[in-house]
Amino acid sequence: MQLKGCNYRSAILYGYAVPVTEVEEKLWAMEKITNGVITDRWAHTRLPPNKTEMTSTQVCFLAILTFSFFPFST
C-alpha cells in the first residue's frame, strides 16, 4: 500500500461547509477520500457500505475562502 496526501504537519481551511446528502455524491466523495489516503483502497473494502455506515459517516462539501499550511520539513 502506498500512502499519499499526508505531506503537511497542519493545514487551516476557512470557508463554509454543507453536508452532502445525495447518496451517489456521498459515495463518490467517500471513494475519493479513501483513495486519496491509500491508493486503490476503496476497491478492497466491503462495498457498498451498509446503512449504518452510511448514516454514521458525515461528508461535507467545503467552499474554501482562504487557507494556510505548514509544510513538513526534514
PDB file of N, CA and C in Angstrom:
ATOM      1  N   MET A   1       0.824  -1.177   0.000  1.00  0.00           N
ATOM      2  CA  MET A   1       0.000   0.000   0.000  1.00  0.00           C
ATOM      3  C   MET A   1       0.872   1.245   0.000  1.00  0.00           C
ATOM      4  N   GLN A   2       0.454   2.219  -0.740  1.00  0.00           N
ATOM      5  CA  GLN A   2       1.191   3.477  -0.808  1.00  0.00           C
ATOM      6  C   GLN A   2       0.355   4.585  -0.180  1.00  0.00           C
ATOM      7  N   LEU A   3       0.936   5.259   0.824  1.00  0.00           N
ATOM      8  CA  LEU A   3       0.264   6.397   1.434  1.00  0.00           C
ATOM      9  C   LEU A   3       0.549   7.635   0.614  1.00  0.00           C
ATOM     10  N   LYS A   4      -0.426   8.500   0.494  1.00  0.00           N
ATOM     11  CA  LYS A   4      -0.216   9.756  -0.224  1.00  0.00           C
ATOM     12  C   LYS A   4      -1.093  10.832   0.377  1.00  0.00           C
ATOM     13  N   GLY A   5      -0.777  12.083   0.090  1.00  0.00           N
ATOM     14  CA  GLY A   5      -1.589  13.186   0.555  1.00  0.00           C
ATOM     15  C   GLY A   5      -1.382  13.553   2.012  1.00  0.00           C
ATOM     16  N   CYS A   6      -0.259  13.144   2.602  1.00  0.00           N
ATOM     17  CA  CYS A   6      -0.009  13.433   4.015  1.00  0.00           C
ATOM     18  C   CYS A   6       1.323  14.165   4.178  1.00  0.00           C
ATOM     19  N   ASN A   7       1.574  15.162   3.363  1.00  0.00           N
ATOM     20  CA  ASN A   7       2.866  15.834   3.368  1.00  0.00           C
ATOM     21  C   ASN A   7       2.905  17.118   4.189  1.00  0.00           C
ATOM     22  N   TYR A   8       1.898  17.375   5.002  1.00  0.00           N
ATOM     23  CA  TYR A   8       1.853  18.614   5.768  1.00  0.00           C
ATOM     24  C   TYR A   8       1.675  18.317   7.244  1.00  0.00           C
ATOM     25  N   ARG A   9       2.319  19.118   8.081  1.00  0.00           N
ATOM     26  CA  ARG A   9       2.115  18.997   9.522  1.00  0.00           C
ATOM     27  C   ARG A   9       0.705  19.422   9.882  1.00  0.00           C
ATOM     28  N   SER A  10       0.279  20.534   9.311  1.00  0.00           N
ATOM     29  CA  SER A  10      -1.073  21.006   9.584  1.00  0.00           C
ATOM     30  C   SER A  10      -1.532  21.937   8.475  1.00  0.00           C
ATOM     31  N   ALA A  11      -2.818  22.055   8.376  1.00  0.00           N
ATOM     32  CA  ALA A  11      -3.423  22.979   7.420  1.00  0.00           C
ATOM     33  C   ALA A  11      -4.658  23.583   8.079  1.00  0.00           C
ATOM     34  N   ILE A  12      -4.902  24.838   7.777  1.00  0.00           N
ATOM     35  CA  ILE A  12      -6.077  25.532   8.292  1.00  0.00           C
ATOM     36  C   ILE A  12      -6.875  26.019   7.088  1.00  0.00           C
ATOM     37  N   LEU A  13      -8.134  25.604   7.034  1.00  0.00           N
ATOM     38  CA  LEU A  13      -9.021  25.990   5.950  1.00  0.00           C
ATOM     39  C   LEU A  13     -10.160  26.827   6.513  1.00  0.00           C
ATOM     40  N   TYR A  14     -10.434  27.946   5.863  1.00  0.00           N
ATOM     41  CA  TYR A  14     -11.549  28.802   6.250  1.00  0.00           C
ATOM     42  C   TYR A  14     -12.566  28.805   5.114  1.00  0.00           C
ATOM     43  N   GLY A  15     -13.813  28.584   5.466  1.00  0.00           N
ATOM     44  CA  GLY A  15     -14.846  28.579   4.443  1.00  0.00           C
ATOM     45  C   GLY A  15     -16.177  28.179   5.029  1.00  0.00           C
ATOM     46  N   TYR A  16     -17.060  27.718   4.168  1.00  0.00           N
ATOM     47  CA  TYR A  16     -18.401  27.311   4.557  1.00  0.00           C
ATOM     48  C   TYR A  16     -18.614  25.864   4.151  1.00  0.00           C
ATOM     49  N   ALA A  17     -19.110  25.064   5.096  1.00  0.00           N
ATOM     50  CA  ALA A  17     -19.344  23.649   4.835  1.00  0.00           C
ATOM     51  C   ALA A  17     -20.837  23.350   4.852  1.00  0.00           C
ATOM     52  N   VAL A  18     -21.247  22.472   3.962  1.00  0.00           N
ATOM     53  CA  VAL A  18     -22.627  21.976   3.947  1.00  0.00           C
ATOM     54  C   VAL A  18     -22.569  20.457   3.814  1.00  0.00           C
ATOM     55  N   PRO A  19     -23.454  19.762   4.504  1.00  0.00           N
ATOM     56  CA  PRO A  19     -23.455  18.296   4.424  1.00  0.00           C
ATOM     57  C   PRO A  19     -23.840  17.810   3.028  1.00  0.00           C
ATOM     58  N   VAL A  20     -23.195  16.749   2.602  1.00  0.00           N
ATOM     59  CA  VAL A  20     -23.556  16.078   1.352  1.00  0.00           C
ATOM     60  C   VAL A  20     -24.662  15.087   1.702  1.00  0.00           C
ATOM     61  N   THR A  21     -25.805  15.225   1.065  1.00  0.00           N
ATOM     62  CA  THR A  21     -26.954  14.379   1.400  1.00  0.00           C
ATOM     63  C   THR A  21     -27.329  13.388   0.301  1.00  0.00           C
ATOM     64  N   GLU A  22     -26.967  13.670  -0.930  1.00  0.00           N
ATOM     65  CA  GLU A  22     -27.268  12.748  -2.030  1.00  0.00           C
ATOM     66  C   GLU A  22     -26.374  11.511  -1.925  1.00  0.00           C
ATOM     67  N   VAL A  23     -26.959  10.329  -1.962  1.00  0.00           N
ATOM     68  CA  VAL A  23     -26.227   9.078  -1.774  1.00  0.00           C
ATOM     69  C   VAL A  23     -25.112   8.913  -2.806  1.00  0.00           C
ATOM     70  N   GLU A  24     -25.408   9.151  -4.071  1.00  0.00           N
ATOM     71  CA  GLU A  24     -24.395   8.971  -5.123  1.00  0.00           C
ATOM     72  C   GLU A  24     -23.214   9.928  -4.931  1.00  0.00           C
ATOM     73  N   GLU A  25     -23.506  11.168  -4.581  1.00  0.00           N
ATOM     74  CA  GLU A  25     -22.449  12.157  -4.351  1.00  0.00           C
ATOM     75  C   GLU A  25     -21.621  11.791  -3.115  1.00  0.00           C
ATOM     76  N   LYS A  26     -22.292  11.300  -2.083  1.00  0.00           N
ATOM     77  CA  LYS A  26     -21.601  10.891  -0.857  1.00  0.00           C
ATOM     78  C   LYS A  26     -20.681   9.699  -1.127  1.00  0.00           C
ATOM     79  N   LEU A  27     -21.160   8.718  -1.872  1.00  0.00           N
ATOM     80  CA  LEU A  27     -20.325   7.564  -2.223  1.00  0.00           C
ATOM     81  C   LEU A  27     -19.125   7.986  -3.061  1.00  0.00           C
ATOM     82  N   TRP A  28     -19.337   8.895  -4.008  1.00  0.00           N
ATOM     83  CA  TRP A  28     -18.244   9.403  -4.844  1.00  0.00           C
ATOM     84  C   TRP A  28     -17.184  10.065  -3.968  1.00  0.00           C
ATOM     85  N   ALA A  29     -17.629  10.912  -3.033  1.00  0.00           N
ATOM     86  CA  ALA A  29     -16.702  11.613  -2.145  1.00  0.00           C
ATOM     87  C   ALA A  29     -15.973  10.639  -1.229  1.00  0.00           C
ATOM     88  N   MET A  30     -16.683   9.659  -0.694  1.00  0.00           N
ATOM     89  CA  MET A  30     -16.047   8.662   0.180  1.00  0.00           C
ATOM     90  C   MET A  30     -14.968   7.884  -0.568  1.00  0.00           C
ATOM     91  N   GLU A  31     -15.230   7.557  -1.818  1.00  0.00           N
ATOM     92  CA  GLU A  31     -14.229   6.859  -2.628  1.00  0.00           C
ATOM     93  C   GLU A  31     -12.995   7.730  -2.841  1.00  0.00           C
ATOM     94  N   LYS A  32     -13.201   9.007  -3.194  1.00  0.00           N
ATOM     95  CA  LYS A  32     -12.077   9.917  -3.439  1.00  0.00           C
ATOM     96  C   LYS A  32     -11.257  10.133  -2.174  1.00  0.00           C
ATOM     97  N   ILE A  33     -11.919  10.293  -1.035  1.00  0.00           N
ATOM     98  CA  ILE A  33     -11.211  10.494   0.229  1.00  0.00           C
ATOM     99  C   ILE A  33     -10.404   9.255   0.591  1.00  0.00           C
ATOM    100  N   THR A  34     -11.027   8.077   0.493  1.00  0.00           N
ATOM    101  CA  THR A  34     -10.353   6.823   0.838  1.00  0.00           C
ATOM    102  C   THR A  34      -9.148   6.584  -0.058  1.00  0.00           C
ATOM    103  N   ASN A  35      -9.317   6.725  -1.367  1.00  0.00           N
ATOM    104  CA  ASN A  35      -8.211   6.503  -2.301  1.00  0.00           C
ATOM    105  C   ASN A  35      -7.167   7.607  -2.219  1.00  0.00           C
ATOM    106  N   GLY A  36      -7.527   8.773  -1.689  1.00  0.00           N
ATOM    107  CA  GLY A  36      -6.567   9.856  -1.512  1.00  0.00           C
ATOM    108  C   GLY A  36      -5.572   9.588  -0.404  1.00  0.00           C
ATOM    109  N   VAL A  37      -5.934   8.710   0.523  1.00  0.00           N
ATOM    110  CA  VAL A  37      -5.039   8.355   1.624  1.00  0.00           C
ATOM    111  C   VAL A  37      -4.224   7.116   1.270  1.00  0.00           C
ATOM    112  N   ILE A  38      -4.892   6.089   0.761  1.00  0.00           N
ATOM    113  CA  ILE A  38      -4.215   4.850   0.357  1.00  0.00           C
ATOM    114  C   ILE A  38      -4.691   4.485  -1.038  1.00  0.00           C
ATOM    115  N   THR A  39      -3.774   4.406  -1.978  1.00  0.00           N
ATOM    116  CA  THR A  39      -4.091   4.129  -3.373  1.00  0.00           C
ATOM    117  C   THR A  39      -4.926   2.856  -3.515  1.00  0.00           C
ATOM    118  N   ASP A  40      -6.031   2.949  -4.249  1.00  0.00           N
ATOM    119  CA  ASP A  40      -6.924   1.823  -4.558  1.00  0.00           C
ATOM    120  C   ASP A  40      -7.528   1.130  -3.339  1.00  0.00           C
ATOM    121  N   ARG A  41      -7.580   1.791  -2.213  1.00  0.00           N
ATOM    122  CA  ARG A  41      -8.141   1.174  -1.004  1.00  0.00           C
ATOM    123  C   ARG A  41      -9.639   0.919  -1.134  1.00  0.00           C
ATOM    124  N   TRP A  42     -10.359   1.822  -1.789  1.00  0.00           N
ATOM    125  CA  TRP A  42     -11.815   1.698  -1.911  1.00  0.00           C
ATOM    126  C   TRP A  42     -12.219   0.368  -2.543  1.00  0.00           C
ATOM    127  N   ALA A  43     -11.465  -0.062  -3.546  1.00  0.00           N
ATOM    128  CA  ALA A  43     -11.790  -1.310  -4.253  1.00  0.00           C
ATOM    129  C   ALA A  43     -11.599  -2.538  -3.363  1.00  0.00           C
ATOM    130  N   HIS A  44     -10.864  -2.381  -2.268  1.00  0.00           N
ATOM    131  CA  HIS A  44     -10.585  -3.508  -1.385  1.00  0.00           C
ATOM    132  C   HIS A  44     -11.349  -3.409  -0.066  1.00  0.00           C
ATOM    133  N   THR A  45     -12.436  -2.664  -0.072  1.00  0.00           N
ATOM    134  CA  THR A  45     -13.291  -2.570   1.105  1.00  0.00           C
ATOM    135  C   THR A  45     -14.608  -3.276   0.826  1.00  0.00           C
ATOM    136  N   ARG A  46     -15.404  -3.427   1.865  1.00  0.00           N
ATOM    137  CA  ARG A  46     -16.721  -4.043   1.691  1.00  0.00           C
ATOM    138  C   ARG A  46     -17.613  -3.027   0.982  1.00  0.00           C
ATOM    139  N   LEU A  47     -18.072  -3.376  -0.206  1.00  0.00           N
ATOM    140  CA  LEU A  47     -18.903  -2.456  -0.990  1.00  0.00           C
ATOM    141  C   LEU A  47     -20.240  -3.104  -1.297  1.00  0.00           C
ATOM    142  N   PRO A  48     -21.299  -2.365  -1.315  1.00  0.00           N
ATOM    143  CA  PRO A  48     -21.400  -0.976  -0.881  1.00  0.00           C
ATOM    144  C   PRO A  48     -21.425  -0.906   0.641  1.00  0.00           C
ATOM    145  N   PRO A  49     -21.152   0.285   1.188  1.00  0.00           N
ATOM    146  CA  PRO A  49     -21.257   0.438   2.641  1.00  0.00           C
ATOM    147  C   PRO A  49     -22.687   0.143   3.085  1.00  0.00           C
ATOM    148  N   ASN A  50     -22.845  -0.437   4.270  1.00  0.00           N
ATOM    149  CA  ASN A  50     -24.202  -0.734   4.742  1.00  0.00           C
ATOM    150  C   ASN A  50     -24.878   0.533   5.266  1.00  0.00           C
ATOM    151  N   LYS A  51     -26.152   0.408   5.601  1.00  0.00           N
ATOM    152  CA  LYS A  51     -26.947   1.573   6.013  1.00  0.00           C
ATOM    153  C   LYS A  51     -26.368   2.241   7.262  1.00  0.00           C
ATOM    154  N   THR A  52     -25.908   1.453   8.224  1.00  0.00           N
ATOM    155  CA  THR A  52     -25.327   2.009   9.450  1.00  0.00           C
ATOM    156  C   THR A  52     -24.080   2.821   9.136  1.00  0.00           C
ATOM    157  N   GLU A  53     -23.227   2.296   8.270  1.00  0.00           N
ATOM    158  CA  GLU A  53     -22.007   3.016   7.889  1.00  0.00           C
ATOM    159  C   GLU A  53     -22.335   4.321   7.167  1.00  0.00           C
ATOM    160  N   MET A  54     -23.321   4.278   6.299  1.00  0.00           N
ATOM    161  CA  MET A  54     -23.693   5.480   5.544  1.00  0.00           C
ATOM    162  C   MET A  54     -24.285   6.551   6.450  1.00  0.00           C
ATOM    163  N   THR A  55     -25.101   6.151   7.422  1.00  0.00           N
ATOM    164  CA  THR A  55     -25.711   7.156   8.294  1.00  0.00           C
ATOM    165  C   THR A  55     -24.752   7.654   9.367  1.00  0.00           C
ATOM    166  N   SER A  56     -23.756   6.857   9.736  1.00  0.00           N
ATOM    167  CA  SER A  56     -22.808   7.290  10.768  1.00  0.00           C
ATOM    168  C   SER A  56     -21.613   8.042  10.194  1.00  0.00           C
ATOM    169  N   THR A  57     -21.515   8.110   8.875  1.00  0.00           N
ATOM    170  CA  THR A  57     -20.422   8.833   8.221  1.00  0.00           C
ATOM    171  C   THR A  57     -20.953  10.130   7.634  1.00  0.00           C
ATOM    172  N   GLN A  58     -20.373  11.242   8.052  1.00  0.00           N
ATOM    173  CA  GLN A  58     -20.777  12.555   7.546  1.00  0.00           C
ATOM    174  C   GLN A  58     -19.731  13.045   6.550  1.00  0.00           C
ATOM    175  N   VAL A  59     -20.171  13.443   5.370  1.00  0.00           N
ATOM    176  CA  VAL A  59     -19.305  14.033   4.353  1.00  0.00           C
ATOM    177  C   VAL A  59     -19.799  15.452   4.119  1.00  0.00           C
ATOM    178  N   CYS A  60     -18.887  16.399   4.107  1.00  0.00           N
ATOM    179  CA  CYS A  60     -19.261  17.794   3.889  1.00  0.00           C
ATOM    180  C   CYS A  60     -18.558  18.353   2.666  1.00  0.00           C
ATOM    181  N   PHE A  61     -19.251  19.205   1.956  1.00  0.00           N
ATOM    182  CA  PHE A  61     -18.669  19.987   0.869  1.00  0.00           C
ATOM    183  C   PHE A  61     -18.169  21.276   1.497  1.00  0.00           C
ATOM    184  N   LEU A  62     -16.912  21.610   1.258  1.00  0.00           N
ATOM    185  CA  LEU A  62     -16.329  22.808   1.843  1.00  0.00           C
ATOM    186  C   LEU A  62     -15.943  23.791   0.749  1.00  0.00           C
ATOM    187  N   ALA A  63     -16.577  24.951   0.758  1.00  0.00           N
ATOM    188  CA  ALA A  63     -16.204  26.040  -0.139  1.00  0.00           C
ATOM    189  C   ALA A  63     -15.094  26.816   0.572  1.00  0.00           C
ATOM    190  N   ILE A  64     -13.854  26.659   0.105  1.00  0.00           N
ATOM    191  CA  ILE A  64     -12.700  27.254   0.777  1.00  0.00           C
ATOM    192  C   ILE A  64     -12.565  28.715   0.370  1.00  0.00           C
ATOM    193  N   LEU A  65     -12.529  29.586   1.365  1.00  0.00           N
ATOM    194  CA  LEU A  65     -12.331  31.014   1.123  1.00  0.00           C
ATOM    195  C   LEU A  65     -10.860  31.379   1.193  1.00  0.00           C
ATOM    196  N   THR A  66     -10.156  30.815   2.162  1.00  0.00           N
ATOM    197  CA  THR A  66      -8.716  31.046   2.310  1.00  0.00           C
ATOM    198  C   THR A  66      -8.115  29.881   3.090  1.00  0.00           C
ATOM    199  N   PHE A  67      -6.798  29.769   3.067  1.00  0.00           N
ATOM    200  CA  PHE A  67      -6.144  28.663   3.759  1.00  0.00           C
ATOM    201  C   PHE A  67      -4.715  29.050   4.123  1.00  0.00           C
ATOM    202  N   SER A  68      -4.137  28.279   5.015  1.00  0.00           N
ATOM    203  CA  SER A  68      -2.709  28.379   5.316  1.00  0.00           C
ATOM    204  C   SER A  68      -2.235  26.978   5.660  1.00  0.00           C
ATOM    205  N   PHE A  69      -0.965  26.714   5.422  1.00  0.00           N
ATOM    206  CA  PHE A  69      -0.420  25.396   5.720  1.00  0.00           C
ATOM    207  C   PHE A  69       1.016  25.511   6.166  1.00  0.00           C
ATOM    208  N   PHE A  70       1.466  24.496   6.840  1.00  0.00           N
ATOM    209  CA  PHE A  70       2.812  24.441   7.364  1.00  0.00           C
ATOM    210  C   PHE A  70       3.465  23.163   6.849  1.00  0.00           C
ATOM    211  N   PRO A  71       4.341  23.286   5.836  1.00  0.00           N
ATOM    212  CA  PRO A  71       4.942  22.097   5.226  1.00  0.00           C
ATOM    213  C   PRO A  71       5.781  21.295   6.209  1.00  0.00           C
ATOM    214  N   PHE A  72       5.815  20.026   5.965  1.00  0.00           N
ATOM    215  CA  PHE A  72       6.660  19.125   6.742  1.00  0.00           C
ATOM    216  C   PHE A  72       8.099  19.342   6.315  1.00  0.00           C
ATOM    217  N   SER A  73       8.988  19.563   7.237  1.00  0.00           N
ATOM    218  CA  SER A  73      10.402  19.758   6.895  1.00  0.00           C
ATOM    219  C   SER A  73      11.215  18.631   7.457  1.00  0.00           C
ATOM    220  N   THR A  74      12.215  18.196   6.699  1.00  0.00           N
ATOM    221  CA  THR A  74      13.054  17.084   7.151  1.00  0.00           C
ATOM    222  C   THR A  74      14.415  17.567   7.548  1.00  0.00           C
TER     223      THR A  74
END
